PDB file of N, CA and C in Angstrom:
ATOM      1  N   MET A   1      57.721  30.072  42.459  1.00  0.00           N
ATOM      2  CA  MET A   1      58.183  29.317  41.386  1.00  0.00           C
ATOM      3  C   MET A   1      56.371  28.111  41.395  1.00  0.00           C
ATOM      4  N   ILE A   2      56.645  28.525  39.876  1.00  0.00           N
ATOM      5  CA  ILE A   2      55.479  28.120  40.168  1.00  0.00           C
ATOM      6  C   ILE A   2      55.029  26.531  38.946  1.00  0.00           C
ATOM      7  N   LEU A   3      54.893  25.739  39.531  1.00  0.00           N
ATOM      8  CA  LEU A   3      54.543  24.477  38.360  1.00  0.00           C
ATOM      9  C   LEU A   3      53.522  24.721  37.595  1.00  0.00           C
ATOM     10  N   LEU A   4      53.238  24.337  36.210  1.00  0.00           N
ATOM     11  CA  LEU A   4      51.520  24.595  36.211  1.00  0.00           C
ATOM     12  C   LEU A   4      51.657  23.605  35.889  1.00  0.00           C
ATOM     13  N   ASP A   5      50.095  22.818  36.340  1.00  0.00           N
ATOM     14  CA  ASP A   5      49.897  21.095  35.474  1.00  0.00           C
ATOM     15  C   ASP A   5      49.382  21.066  34.084  1.00  0.00           C
ATOM     16  N   THR A   6      49.387  20.627  33.888  1.00  0.00           N
ATOM     17  CA  THR A   6      49.494  19.761  32.366  1.00  0.00           C
ATOM     18  C   THR A   6      48.104  20.804  31.959  1.00  0.00           C
ATOM     19  N   HIS A   7      46.680  20.609  32.123  1.00  0.00           N
ATOM     20  CA  HIS A   7      45.692  21.783  31.916  1.00  0.00           C
ATOM     21  C   HIS A   7      45.328  22.913  31.899  1.00  0.00           C
ATOM     22  N   VAL A   8      46.419  23.199  33.164  1.00  0.00           N
ATOM     23  CA  VAL A   8      46.580  24.793  33.503  1.00  0.00           C
ATOM     24  C   VAL A   8      47.248  25.443  32.208  1.00  0.00           C
ATOM     25  N   ALA A   9      48.273  24.908  32.357  1.00  0.00           N
ATOM     26  CA  ALA A   9      49.867  25.385  30.717  1.00  0.00           C
ATOM     27  C   ALA A   9      48.613  25.222  29.897  1.00  0.00           C
ATOM     28  N   LEU A  10      48.074  24.363  28.988  1.00  0.00           N
ATOM     29  CA  LEU A  10      47.088  24.443  27.700  1.00  0.00           C
ATOM     30  C   LEU A  10      45.937  25.290  28.438  1.00  0.00           C
ATOM     31  N   TRP A  11      45.527  24.879  29.220  1.00  0.00           N
ATOM     32  CA  TRP A  11      44.175  26.637  29.730  1.00  0.00           C
ATOM     33  C   TRP A  11      45.057  28.373  29.121  1.00  0.00           C
ATOM     34  N   LEU A  12      45.956  28.368  30.079  1.00  0.00           N
ATOM     35  CA  LEU A  12      46.619  30.066  29.280  1.00  0.00           C
ATOM     36  C   LEU A  12      47.170  29.835  27.718  1.00  0.00           C
ATOM     37  N   LEU A  13      47.744  29.381  27.470  1.00  0.00           N
ATOM     38  CA  LEU A  13      47.658  28.584  25.786  1.00  0.00           C
ATOM     39  C   LEU A  13      47.012  29.252  24.969  1.00  0.00           C
ATOM     40  N   HIS A  14      45.552  28.183  24.884  1.00  0.00           N
ATOM     41  CA  HIS A  14      44.221  28.168  24.488  1.00  0.00           C
ATOM     42  C   HIS A  14      42.690  29.233  24.844  1.00  0.00           C
ATOM     43  N   ASP A  15      43.344  29.449  25.999  1.00  0.00           N
ATOM     44  CA  ASP A  15      42.069  30.053  26.789  1.00  0.00           C
ATOM     45  C   ASP A  15      41.884  30.470  27.872  1.00  0.00           C
ATOM     46  N   PRO A  16      42.342  31.333  28.266  1.00  0.00           N
ATOM     47  CA  PRO A  16      43.547  32.345  29.404  1.00  0.00           C
ATOM     48  C   PRO A  16      42.211  32.730  30.662  1.00  0.00           C
ATOM     49  N   LYS A  17      41.177  32.782  29.651  1.00  0.00           N
ATOM     50  CA  LYS A  17      39.337  32.605  30.195  1.00  0.00           C
ATOM     51  C   LYS A  17      39.473  31.807  31.698  1.00  0.00           C
ATOM     52  N   ARG A  18      40.186  30.676  31.679  1.00  0.00           N
ATOM     53  CA  ARG A  18      39.421  30.011  32.322  1.00  0.00           C
ATOM     54  C   ARG A  18      39.939  30.177  33.472  1.00  0.00           C
ATOM     55  N   VAL A  19      41.594  30.204  33.500  1.00  0.00           N
ATOM     56  CA  VAL A  19      42.679  30.485  35.149  1.00  0.00           C
ATOM     57  C   VAL A  19      41.722  31.633  35.717  1.00  0.00           C
ATOM     58  N   GLY A  20      41.628  31.339  36.934  1.00  0.00           N
ATOM     59  CA  GLY A  20      41.278  32.371  38.366  1.00  0.00           C
ATOM     60  C   GLY A  20      41.934  34.016  38.083  1.00  0.00           C
ATOM     61  N   ALA A  21      41.533  34.660  38.373  1.00  0.00           N
ATOM     62  CA  ALA A  21      41.736  35.492  39.073  1.00  0.00           C
ATOM     63  C   ALA A  21      43.231  35.267  39.818  1.00  0.00           C
ATOM     64  N   GLY A  22      43.037  35.031  40.905  1.00  0.00           N
ATOM     65  CA  GLY A  22      44.273  34.585  42.317  1.00  0.00           C
ATOM     66  C   GLY A  22      44.706  33.121  41.932  1.00  0.00           C
ATOM     67  N   ALA A  23      44.588  32.397  40.352  1.00  0.00           N
ATOM     68  CA  ALA A  23      45.690  31.653  39.495  1.00  0.00           C
ATOM     69  C   ALA A  23      46.444  33.003  39.262  1.00  0.00           C
ATOM     70  N   ARG A  24      46.166  33.229  38.605  1.00  0.00           N
ATOM     71  CA  ARG A  24      46.467  34.236  37.261  1.00  0.00           C
ATOM     72  C   ARG A  24      47.355  34.945  37.769  1.00  0.00           C
ATOM     73  N   HIS A  25      46.923  35.457  39.062  1.00  0.00           N
ATOM     74  CA  HIS A  25      47.861  36.757  40.547  1.00  0.00           C
ATOM     75  C   HIS A  25      49.065  35.653  40.546  1.00  0.00           C
ATOM     76  N   ALA A  26      48.661  34.540  40.836  1.00  0.00           N
ATOM     77  CA  ALA A  26      50.256  33.397  41.771  1.00  0.00           C
ATOM     78  C   ALA A  26      51.241  33.625  40.487  1.00  0.00           C
ATOM     79  N   ILE A  27      50.331  33.324  39.177  1.00  0.00           N
ATOM     80  CA  ILE A  27      51.623  33.122  38.291  1.00  0.00           C
ATOM     81  C   ILE A  27      51.965  33.750  37.400  1.00  0.00           C
ATOM     82  N   ASP A  28      51.019  35.603  37.311  1.00  0.00           N
ATOM     83  CA  ASP A  28      51.973  36.483  36.743  1.00  0.00           C
ATOM     84  C   ASP A  28      53.421  37.259  37.899  1.00  0.00           C
ATOM     85  N   SER A  29      53.016  36.745  39.237  1.00  0.00           N
ATOM     86  CA  SER A  29      53.687  37.770  40.653  1.00  0.00           C
ATOM     87  C   SER A  29      55.201  36.891  40.470  1.00  0.00           C
ATOM     88  N   ALA A  30      54.637  35.062  39.594  1.00  0.00           N
ATOM     89  CA  ALA A  30      56.154  34.058  40.624  1.00  0.00           C
ATOM     90  C   ALA A  30      57.650  34.867  39.326  1.00  0.00           C
ATOM     91  N   ALA A  31      58.808  34.307  40.081  1.00  0.00           N
ATOM     92  CA  ALA A  31      59.855  34.522  39.444  1.00  0.00           C
ATOM     93  C   ALA A  31      60.198  32.923  38.216  1.00  0.00           C
ATOM     94  N   THR A  32      59.860  32.776  38.599  1.00  0.00           N
ATOM     95  CA  THR A  32      59.469  31.355  37.143  1.00  0.00           C
ATOM     96  C   THR A  32      58.637  30.305  37.314  1.00  0.00           C
ATOM     97  N   VAL A  33      58.421  30.342  36.196  1.00  0.00           N
ATOM     98  CA  VAL A  33      56.483  29.585  35.855  1.00  0.00           C
ATOM     99  C   VAL A  33      57.557  28.551  34.566  1.00  0.00           C
ATOM    100  N   TYR A  34      56.479  26.753  35.872  1.00  0.00           N
ATOM    101  CA  TYR A  34      57.511  25.883  35.040  1.00  0.00           C
ATOM    102  C   TYR A  34      56.273  25.118  34.275  1.00  0.00           C
ATOM    103  N   PHE A  35      56.736  24.171  33.271  1.00  0.00           N
ATOM    104  CA  PHE A  35      56.090  23.184  32.781  1.00  0.00           C
ATOM    105  C   PHE A  35      56.297  22.449  32.315  1.00  0.00           C
ATOM    106  N   SER A  36      55.657  21.033  32.704  1.00  0.00           N
ATOM    107  CA  SER A  36      57.144  19.711  32.988  1.00  0.00           C
ATOM    108  C   SER A  36      57.061  19.033  31.869  1.00  0.00           C
ATOM    109  N   ALA A  37      58.052  18.039  31.614  1.00  0.00           N
ATOM    110  CA  ALA A  37      58.540  16.858  30.711  1.00  0.00           C
ATOM    111  C   ALA A  37      57.566  16.062  31.256  1.00  0.00           C
ATOM    112  N   VAL A  38      57.155  16.110  31.984  1.00  0.00           N
ATOM    113  CA  VAL A  38      56.033  15.430  32.405  1.00  0.00           C
ATOM    114  C   VAL A  38      54.744  15.680  32.086  1.00  0.00           C
ATOM    115  N   SER A  39      54.284  16.812  31.672  1.00  0.00           N
ATOM    116  CA  SER A  39      53.415  17.442  30.996  1.00  0.00           C
ATOM    117  C   SER A  39      52.986  16.742  29.366  1.00  0.00           C
ATOM    118  N   LEU A  40      54.945  17.700  28.257  1.00  0.00           N
ATOM    119  CA  LEU A  40      55.330  16.997  27.336  1.00  0.00           C
ATOM    120  C   LEU A  40      54.723  15.586  27.089  1.00  0.00           C
ATOM    121  N   LEU A  41      54.918  14.361  28.150  1.00  0.00           N
ATOM    122  CA  LEU A  41      55.198  12.940  27.371  1.00  0.00           C
ATOM    123  C   LEU A  41      53.375  12.628  28.133  1.00  0.00           C
ATOM    124  N   GLU A  42      52.450  13.187  28.119  1.00  0.00           N
ATOM    125  CA  GLU A  42      50.776  13.182  28.345  1.00  0.00           C
ATOM    126  C   GLU A  42      50.448  14.096  27.401  1.00  0.00           C
ATOM    127  N   THR A  43      50.891  14.710  27.203  1.00  0.00           N
ATOM    128  CA  THR A  43      50.225  15.491  25.228  1.00  0.00           C
ATOM    129  C   THR A  43      51.338  14.432  24.276  1.00  0.00           C
ATOM    130  N   SER A  44      52.207  14.457  24.434  1.00  0.00           N
ATOM    131  CA  SER A  44      52.199  13.767  23.635  1.00  0.00           C
ATOM    132  C   SER A  44      51.499  11.438  23.225  1.00  0.00           C
ATOM    133  N   VAL A  45      51.485  11.562  24.439  1.00  0.00           N
ATOM    134  CA  VAL A  45      50.682  10.230  24.445  1.00  0.00           C
ATOM    135  C   VAL A  45      49.160  10.196  24.357  1.00  0.00           C
ATOM    136  N   LYS A  46      48.429  11.707  25.105  1.00  0.00           N
ATOM    137  CA  LYS A  46      47.155  11.816  24.504  1.00  0.00           C
ATOM    138  C   LYS A  46      46.889  12.875  22.909  1.00  0.00           C
ATOM    139  N   ARG A  47      47.997  12.616  22.754  1.00  0.00           N
ATOM    140  CA  ARG A  47      48.168  13.147  21.486  1.00  0.00           C
ATOM    141  C   ARG A  47      47.870  12.207  20.019  1.00  0.00           C
ATOM    142  N   MET A  48      48.770  11.116  20.541  1.00  0.00           N
ATOM    143  CA  MET A  48      49.203   9.531  19.690  1.00  0.00           C
ATOM    144  C   MET A  48      47.578   8.995  20.062  1.00  0.00           C
ATOM    145  N   ILE A  49      46.834   8.737  21.531  1.00  0.00           N
ATOM    146  CA  ILE A  49      45.667   8.095  20.874  1.00  0.00           C
ATOM    147  C   ILE A  49      44.584   8.408  20.509  1.00  0.00           C
ATOM    148  N   GLY A  50      44.286   9.907  19.602  1.00  0.00           N
ATOM    149  CA  GLY A  50      43.507  11.014  19.369  1.00  0.00           C
ATOM    150  C   GLY A  50      43.232  11.508  20.392  1.00  0.00           C
ATOM    151  N   ARG A  51      43.208  12.141  21.705  1.00  0.00           N
ATOM    152  CA  ARG A  51      42.115  12.388  22.336  1.00  0.00           C
ATOM    153  C   ARG A  51      43.616  14.136  23.470  1.00  0.00           C
ATOM    154  N   LEU A  52      43.634  14.345  21.822  1.00  0.00           N
ATOM    155  CA  LEU A  52      44.424  15.817  22.251  1.00  0.00           C
ATOM    156  C   LEU A  52      44.691  16.206  21.199  1.00  0.00           C
ATOM    157  N   ASP A  53      44.722  17.626  20.774  1.00  0.00           N
ATOM    158  CA  ASP A  53      45.123  18.179  18.974  1.00  0.00           C
ATOM    159  C   ASP A  53      46.443  19.299  19.952  1.00  0.00           C
ATOM    160  N   VAL A  54      47.399  18.890  19.502  1.00  0.00           N
ATOM    161  CA  VAL A  54      48.601  20.294  19.685  1.00  0.00           C
ATOM    162  C   VAL A  54      49.602  19.713  19.110  1.00  0.00           C
ATOM    163  N   PRO A  55      50.562  20.603  19.485  1.00  0.00           N
ATOM    164  CA  PRO A  55      51.643  20.509  18.131  1.00  0.00           C
ATOM    165  C   PRO A  55      53.283  20.127  18.880  1.00  0.00           C
ATOM    166  N   PRO A  56      54.041  18.641  18.086  1.00  0.00           N
ATOM    167  CA  PRO A  56      54.373  18.381  18.114  1.00  0.00           C
ATOM    168  C   PRO A  56      55.540  18.798  19.421  1.00  0.00           C
ATOM    169  N   GLU A  57      55.798  20.114  18.793  1.00  0.00           N
ATOM    170  CA  GLU A  57      56.719  20.782  19.916  1.00  0.00           C
ATOM    171  C   GLU A  57      56.416  22.158  20.375  1.00  0.00           C
ATOM    172  N   LEU A  58      54.918  21.004  20.682  1.00  0.00           N
ATOM    173  CA  LEU A  58      54.181  21.536  22.007  1.00  0.00           C
ATOM    174  C   LEU A  58      55.094  22.402  23.722  1.00  0.00           C
ATOM    175  N   ASP A  59      56.525  22.230  23.434  1.00  0.00           N
ATOM    176  CA  ASP A  59      58.071  22.408  24.604  1.00  0.00           C
ATOM    177  C   ASP A  59      58.072  23.723  23.574  1.00  0.00           C
ATOM    178  N   GLN A  60      58.475  24.282  22.144  1.00  0.00           N
ATOM    179  CA  GLN A  60      59.040  25.210  22.160  1.00  0.00           C
ATOM    180  C   GLN A  60      57.931  26.405  22.542  1.00  0.00           C
ATOM    181  N   VAL A  61      56.784  25.978  22.109  1.00  0.00           N
ATOM    182  CA  VAL A  61      55.806  27.036  21.746  1.00  0.00           C
ATOM    183  C   VAL A  61      55.180  27.034  23.944  1.00  0.00           C
ATOM    184  N   PHE A  62      55.210  26.427  24.909  1.00  0.00           N
ATOM    185  CA  PHE A  62      55.520  26.934  25.582  1.00  0.00           C
ATOM    186  C   PHE A  62      57.232  28.045  26.095  1.00  0.00           C
ATOM    187  N   VAL A  63      57.385  27.434  25.563  1.00  0.00           N
ATOM    188  CA  VAL A  63      58.919  28.406  26.132  1.00  0.00           C
ATOM    189  C   VAL A  63      58.617  30.308  25.100  1.00  0.00           C
ATOM    190  N   ALA A  64      58.039  29.588  24.299  1.00  0.00           N
ATOM    191  CA  ALA A  64      58.195  31.350  24.107  1.00  0.00           C
ATOM    192  C   ALA A  64      57.380  32.301  24.335  1.00  0.00           C
ATOM    193  N   GLN A  65      55.913  31.224  25.213  1.00  0.00           N
ATOM    194  CA  GLN A  65      55.115  31.805  25.879  1.00  0.00           C
ATOM    195  C   GLN A  65      55.889  32.878  27.347  1.00  0.00           C
ATOM    196  N   GLY A  66      57.131  32.064  27.561  1.00  0.00           N
ATOM    197  CA  GLY A  66      57.950  32.598  28.432  1.00  0.00           C
ATOM    198  C   GLY A  66      57.622  31.610  29.974  1.00  0.00           C
ATOM    199  N   LEU A  67      57.686  30.343  29.605  1.00  0.00           N
ATOM    200  CA  LEU A  67      57.269  29.060  30.843  1.00  0.00           C
ATOM    201  C   LEU A  67      58.577  28.716  30.751  1.00  0.00           C
ATOM    202  N   THR A  68      59.201  27.678  31.454  1.00  0.00           N
ATOM    203  CA  THR A  68      60.903  27.024  32.150  1.00  0.00           C
ATOM    204  C   THR A  68      59.599  25.700  31.320  1.00  0.00           C
ATOM    205  N   PRO A  69      61.295  25.392  31.395  1.00  0.00           N
ATOM    206  CA  PRO A  69      61.050  23.506  31.503  1.00  0.00           C
ATOM    207  C   PRO A  69      61.522  22.686  32.479  1.00  0.00           C
ATOM    208  N   LEU A  70      60.839  21.842  33.015  1.00  0.00           N
ATOM    209  CA  LEU A  70      61.638  21.510  34.653  1.00  0.00           C
ATOM    210  C   LEU A  70      61.348  19.823  34.034  1.00  0.00           C
ATOM    211  N   PRO A  71      62.450  19.385  34.127  1.00  0.00           N
ATOM    212  CA  PRO A  71      62.717  18.406  33.514  1.00  0.00           C
ATOM    213  C   PRO A  71      62.847  17.040  34.421  1.00  0.00           C
ATOM    214  N   LEU A  72      61.846  15.776  34.593  1.00  0.00           N
ATOM    215  CA  LEU A  72      61.885  14.714  35.498  1.00  0.00           C
ATOM    216  C   LEU A  72      62.830  13.871  35.678  1.00  0.00           C
ATOM    217  N   THR A  73      63.451  13.933  37.274  1.00  0.00           N
ATOM    218  CA  THR A  73      64.644  13.864  38.160  1.00  0.00           C
ATOM    219  C   THR A  73      64.526  12.302  37.969  1.00  0.00           C
ATOM    220  N   PRO A  74      65.525  10.881  38.545  1.00  0.00           N
ATOM    221  CA  PRO A  74      65.649  10.224  39.340  1.00  0.00           C
ATOM    222  C   PRO A  74      64.653  10.828  40.464  1.00  0.00           C
ATOM    223  N   GLU A  75      64.968  11.625  41.101  1.00  0.00           N
ATOM    224  CA  GLU A  75      64.396  12.163  42.783  1.00  0.00           C
ATOM    225  C   GLU A  75      63.065  12.637  42.402  1.00  0.00           C
ATOM    226  N   HIS A  76      62.855  13.267  41.541  1.00  0.00           N
ATOM    227  CA  HIS A  76      61.009  13.517  40.920  1.00  0.00           C
ATOM    228  C   HIS A  76      60.188  12.281  41.091  1.00  0.00           C
ATOM    229  N   ALA A  77      60.413  11.384  40.556  1.00  0.00           N
ATOM    230  CA  ALA A  77      60.879  10.398  40.557  1.00  0.00           C
ATOM    231  C   ALA A  77      60.223   9.129  41.322  1.00  0.00           C
ATOM    232  N   ILE A  78      61.412   8.557  42.539  1.00  0.00           N
ATOM    233  CA  ILE A  78      61.073   8.180  43.919  1.00  0.00           C
ATOM    234  C   ILE A  78      60.275   9.800  44.845  1.00  0.00           C
ATOM    235  N   ALA A  79      59.966  10.628  44.075  1.00  0.00           N
ATOM    236  CA  ALA A  79      59.273  11.597  45.452  1.00  0.00           C
ATOM    237  C   ALA A  79      57.567  10.712  45.265  1.00  0.00           C
ATOM    238  N   ILE A  80      57.411  10.062  44.197  1.00  0.00           N
ATOM    239  CA  ILE A  80      55.974   9.890  43.675  1.00  0.00           C
ATOM    240  C   ILE A  80      55.539   8.976  45.538  1.00  0.00           C
ATOM    241  N   GLU A  81      56.517   7.926  45.209  1.00  0.00           N
ATOM    242  CA  GLU A  81      55.723   7.032  46.963  1.00  0.00           C
ATOM    243  C   GLU A  81      55.876   8.287  47.867  1.00  0.00           C
ATOM    244  N   ARG A  82      55.508   9.573  48.456  1.00  0.00           N
ATOM    245  CA  ARG A  82      55.598  10.021  49.082  1.00  0.00           C
ATOM    246  C   ARG A  82      53.330  10.381  49.450  1.00  0.00           C
ATOM    247  N   PHE A  83      53.048  10.436  48.385  1.00  0.00           N
ATOM    248  CA  PHE A  83      51.540  10.651  48.366  1.00  0.00           C
ATOM    249  C   PHE A  83      51.126   9.156  47.770  1.00  0.00           C
ATOM    250  N   THR A  84      51.329   8.513  48.922  1.00  0.00           N
ATOM    251  CA  THR A  84      49.997   7.269  48.294  1.00  0.00           C
ATOM    252  C   THR A  84      48.827   7.538  48.416  1.00  0.00           C
ATOM    253  N   SER A  85      48.198   8.109  48.995  1.00  0.00           N
ATOM    254  CA  SER A  85      46.799   8.826  48.876  1.00  0.00           C
ATOM    255  C   SER A  85      46.414   8.857  47.676  1.00  0.00           C
ATOM    256  N   LEU A  86      47.731   8.576  46.154  1.00  0.00           N
ATOM    257  CA  LEU A  86      47.152   8.433  44.958  1.00  0.00           C
ATOM    258  C   LEU A  86      47.693   7.420  44.530  1.00  0.00           C
ATOM    259  N   ALA A  87      47.559   6.264  45.862  1.00  0.00           N
ATOM    260  CA  ALA A  87      48.181   5.249  44.433  1.00  0.00           C
ATOM    261  C   ALA A  87      48.097   4.996  42.464  1.00  0.00           C
ATOM    262  N   ARG A  88      46.589   5.579  43.310  1.00  0.00           N
ATOM    263  CA  ARG A  88      45.457   4.788  41.879  1.00  0.00           C
ATOM    264  C   ARG A  88      44.759   5.575  41.483  1.00  0.00           C
ATOM    265  N   HIS A  89      45.965   6.734  41.157  1.00  0.00           N
ATOM    266  CA  HIS A  89      45.646   7.759  40.788  1.00  0.00           C
ATOM    267  C   HIS A  89      46.127   8.328  39.580  1.00  0.00           C
ATOM    268  N   ASP A  90      45.762   9.138  38.634  1.00  0.00           N
ATOM    269  CA  ASP A  90      46.599  10.034  36.652  1.00  0.00           C
ATOM    270  C   ASP A  90      48.066   9.958  37.338  1.00  0.00           C
ATOM    271  N   PRO A  91      48.845   8.939  37.001  1.00  0.00           N
ATOM    272  CA  PRO A  91      50.624   8.928  37.143  1.00  0.00           C
ATOM    273  C   PRO A  91      51.473  10.204  36.358  1.00  0.00           C
ATOM    274  N   PHE A  92      50.443  10.874  35.877  1.00  0.00           N
ATOM    275  CA  PHE A  92      51.160  12.145  35.521  1.00  0.00           C
ATOM    276  C   PHE A  92      50.844  12.955  36.174  1.00  0.00           C
ATOM    277  N   ASP A  93      49.626  13.418  37.169  1.00  0.00           N
ATOM    278  CA  ASP A  93      49.151  14.352  38.108  1.00  0.00           C
ATOM    279  C   ASP A  93      50.446  14.150  39.377  1.00  0.00           C
ATOM    280  N   ARG A  94      50.483  12.791  39.601  1.00  0.00           N
ATOM    281  CA  ARG A  94      51.029  12.226  40.765  1.00  0.00           C
ATOM    282  C   ARG A  94      52.334  13.148  40.493  1.00  0.00           C
ATOM    283  N   ALA A  95      52.830  12.734  39.434  1.00  0.00           N
ATOM    284  CA  ALA A  95      54.344  12.870  39.041  1.00  0.00           C
ATOM    285  C   ALA A  95      54.796  14.369  39.813  1.00  0.00           C
ATOM    286  N   LEU A  96      53.453  15.312  38.972  1.00  0.00           N
ATOM    287  CA  LEU A  96      54.054  16.677  38.648  1.00  0.00           C
ATOM    288  C   LEU A  96      53.666  17.961  40.104  1.00  0.00           C
ATOM    289  N   LEU A  97      53.279  16.664  40.885  1.00  0.00           N
ATOM    290  CA  LEU A  97      52.313  17.352  42.885  1.00  0.00           C
ATOM    291  C   LEU A  97      54.344  15.844  43.014  1.00  0.00           C
ATOM    292  N   ALA A  98      54.967  15.758  42.898  1.00  0.00           N
ATOM    293  CA  ALA A  98      56.352  14.864  43.183  1.00  0.00           C
ATOM    294  C   ALA A  98      56.957  16.372  42.956  1.00  0.00           C
ATOM    295  N   GLN A  99      57.512  16.931  41.929  1.00  0.00           N
ATOM    296  CA  GLN A  99      58.116  18.016  41.146  1.00  0.00           C
ATOM    297  C   GLN A  99      57.876  18.668  41.892  1.00  0.00           C
ATOM    298  N   ALA A 100      56.234  19.249  42.335  1.00  0.00           N
ATOM    299  CA  ALA A 100      56.572  20.264  42.978  1.00  0.00           C
ATOM    300  C   ALA A 100      56.554  20.508  44.670  1.00  0.00           C
ATOM    301  N   ALA A 101      56.525  19.443  44.572  1.00  0.00           N
ATOM    302  CA  ALA A 101      57.538  19.043  46.106  1.00  0.00           C
ATOM    303  C   ALA A 101      58.614  18.685  46.722  1.00  0.00           C
ATOM    304  N   VAL A 102      59.028  18.342  45.451  1.00  0.00           N
ATOM    305  CA  VAL A 102      61.039  17.961  45.864  1.00  0.00           C
ATOM    306  C   VAL A 102      61.089  19.445  44.582  1.00  0.00           C
ATOM    307  N   GLU A 103      60.718  20.636  44.075  1.00  0.00           N
ATOM    308  CA  GLU A 103      60.694  21.501  44.094  1.00  0.00           C
ATOM    309  C   GLU A 103      60.998  22.755  44.591  1.00  0.00           C
ATOM    310  N   ARG A 104      59.436  22.365  45.611  1.00  0.00           N
ATOM    311  CA  ARG A 104      59.004  23.277  46.083  1.00  0.00           C
ATOM    312  C   ARG A 104      58.458  24.705  45.947  1.00  0.00           C
ATOM    313  N   CYS A 105      57.781  23.845  44.701  1.00  0.00           N
ATOM    314  CA  CYS A 105      57.099  24.855  43.715  1.00  0.00           C
ATOM    315  C   CYS A 105      55.038  24.757  44.378  1.00  0.00           C
ATOM    316  N   ARG A 106      54.955  25.766  43.873  1.00  0.00           N
ATOM    317  CA  ARG A 106      53.211  25.625  44.482  1.00  0.00           C
ATOM    318  C   ARG A 106      52.759  25.809  42.902  1.00  0.00           C
ATOM    319  N   LEU A 107      52.131  24.514  43.234  1.00  0.00           N
ATOM    320  CA  LEU A 107      51.143  23.875  41.883  1.00  0.00           C
ATOM    321  C   LEU A 107      49.981  24.144  41.409  1.00  0.00           C
ATOM    322  N   VAL A 108      50.082  24.674  40.300  1.00  0.00           N
ATOM    323  CA  VAL A 108      48.465  24.968  39.744  1.00  0.00           C
ATOM    324  C   VAL A 108      47.907  23.717  39.749  1.00  0.00           C
ATOM    325  N   THR A 109      46.485  23.930  40.145  1.00  0.00           N
ATOM    326  CA  THR A 109      45.929  22.835  39.089  1.00  0.00           C
ATOM    327  C   THR A 109      44.188  22.630  38.804  1.00  0.00           C
ATOM    328  N   ALA A 110      43.715  22.476  38.840  1.00  0.00           N
ATOM    329  CA  ALA A 110      41.675  22.607  38.900  1.00  0.00           C
ATOM    330  C   ALA A 110      41.370  20.854  38.963  1.00  0.00           C
ATOM    331  N   ASP A 111      42.877  20.071  39.147  1.00  0.00           N
ATOM    332  CA  ASP A 111      43.147  18.966  39.227  1.00  0.00           C
ATOM    333  C   ASP A 111      42.249  18.925  41.171  1.00  0.00           C
ATOM    334  N   ARG A 112      40.898  17.759  41.058  1.00  0.00           N
ATOM    335  CA  ARG A 112      39.972  18.058  42.063  1.00  0.00           C
ATOM    336  C   ARG A 112      40.799  16.905  43.768  1.00  0.00           C
ATOM    337  N   GLN A 113      41.614  15.933  42.751  1.00  0.00           N
ATOM    338  CA  GLN A 113      41.575  14.769  43.984  1.00  0.00           C
ATOM    339  C   GLN A 113      42.965  15.317  44.324  1.00  0.00           C
ATOM    340  N   LEU A 114      43.663  16.389  43.554  1.00  0.00           N
ATOM    341  CA  LEU A 114      45.696  17.084  43.977  1.00  0.00           C
ATOM    342  C   LEU A 114      44.528  18.364  44.626  1.00  0.00           C
ATOM    343  N   LEU A 115      43.584  18.917  44.648  1.00  0.00           N
ATOM    344  CA  LEU A 115      43.466  20.089  45.852  1.00  0.00           C
ATOM    345  C   LEU A 115      42.657  19.206  46.981  1.00  0.00           C
ATOM    346  N   ALA A 116      41.575  18.365  46.683  1.00  0.00           N
ATOM    347  CA  ALA A 116      41.717  18.143  47.992  1.00  0.00           C
ATOM    348  C   ALA A 116      42.390  17.253  49.155  1.00  0.00           C
ATOM    349  N   LEU A 117      43.718  17.500  48.399  1.00  0.00           N
ATOM    350  CA  LEU A 117      44.909  16.774  49.744  1.00  0.00           C
ATOM    351  C   LEU A 117      45.201  18.070  50.709  1.00  0.00           C
ATOM    352  N   GLY A 118      44.615  19.175  50.296  1.00  0.00           N
ATOM    353  CA  GLY A 118      44.654  20.428  51.360  1.00  0.00           C
ATOM    354  C   GLY A 118      45.986  20.608  51.448  1.00  0.00           C
ATOM    355  N   PHE A 119      47.187  20.189  50.793  1.00  0.00           N
ATOM    356  CA  PHE A 119      48.094  21.491  50.574  1.00  0.00           C
ATOM    357  C   PHE A 119      48.434  22.816  50.841  1.00  0.00           C
ATOM    358  N   ASP A 120      48.357  23.267  50.875  1.00  0.00           N
ATOM    359  CA  ASP A 120      49.115  24.772  50.891  1.00  0.00           C
ATOM    360  C   ASP A 120      49.664  25.411  50.127  1.00  0.00           C
ATOM    361  N   TRP A 121      50.410  24.073  49.237  1.00  0.00           N
ATOM    362  CA  TRP A 121      51.729  24.668  48.156  1.00  0.00           C
ATOM    363  C   TRP A 121      50.330  24.765  46.885  1.00  0.00           C
ATOM    364  N   VAL A 122      49.048  23.844  46.483  1.00  0.00           N
ATOM    365  CA  VAL A 122      48.742  23.407  45.924  1.00  0.00           C
ATOM    366  C   VAL A 122      47.234  25.151  45.933  1.00  0.00           C
ATOM    367  N   ILE A 123      47.095  25.416  44.342  1.00  0.00           N
ATOM    368  CA  ILE A 123      46.210  26.429  43.773  1.00  0.00           C
ATOM    369  C   ILE A 123      45.614  25.450  43.290  1.00  0.00           C
ATOM    370  N   ASP A 124      43.922  26.620  43.788  1.00  0.00           N
ATOM    371  CA  ASP A 124      42.751  25.644  42.625  1.00  0.00           C
ATOM    372  C   ASP A 124      43.182  26.793  41.323  1.00  0.00           C
ATOM    373  N   ALA A 125      43.184  26.194  41.068  1.00  0.00           N
ATOM    374  CA  ALA A 125      42.777  27.076  39.060  1.00  0.00           C
ATOM    375  C   ALA A 125      42.546  28.143  39.158  1.00  0.00           C
ATOM    376  N   ARG A 126      41.306  27.025  38.826  1.00  0.00           N
ATOM    377  CA  ARG A 126      39.691  27.972  39.093  1.00  0.00           C
ATOM    378  C   ARG A 126      39.588  29.107  39.627  1.00  0.00           C
ATOM    379  N   THR A 127      40.378  29.176  40.623  1.00  0.00           N
ATOM    380  CA  THR A 127      39.939  30.587  41.752  1.00  0.00           C
ATOM    381  C   THR A 127      40.958  31.879  41.312  1.00  0.00           C
TER     382      THR A 127
END
């Protein structure tokens, strides 16, 4: 199972060549590829403040691309506390990391801070 960081889901939609061959192989060979409700929250906030131009029905677009929605649960929210080194990092990224940990998914991201954690289940989207 794969969980896509928000930017990776958007890359697959708008600029798939940004996703590296290794990450693409992991995505293509996964039984399930998730996008998170957290990503919808993040894109909605960015759309509201004019930093991102995506359709309001982005969830439907992701589903049409073959992605599976992953809701944010109380267990996911509580699991954010496991990653104390990220206390001041982007809350959306922390939530995605917690979801991936709880659900035992591999997280595909290009976020340097998440990759620097050294978890073998966090995959560099650029390679």
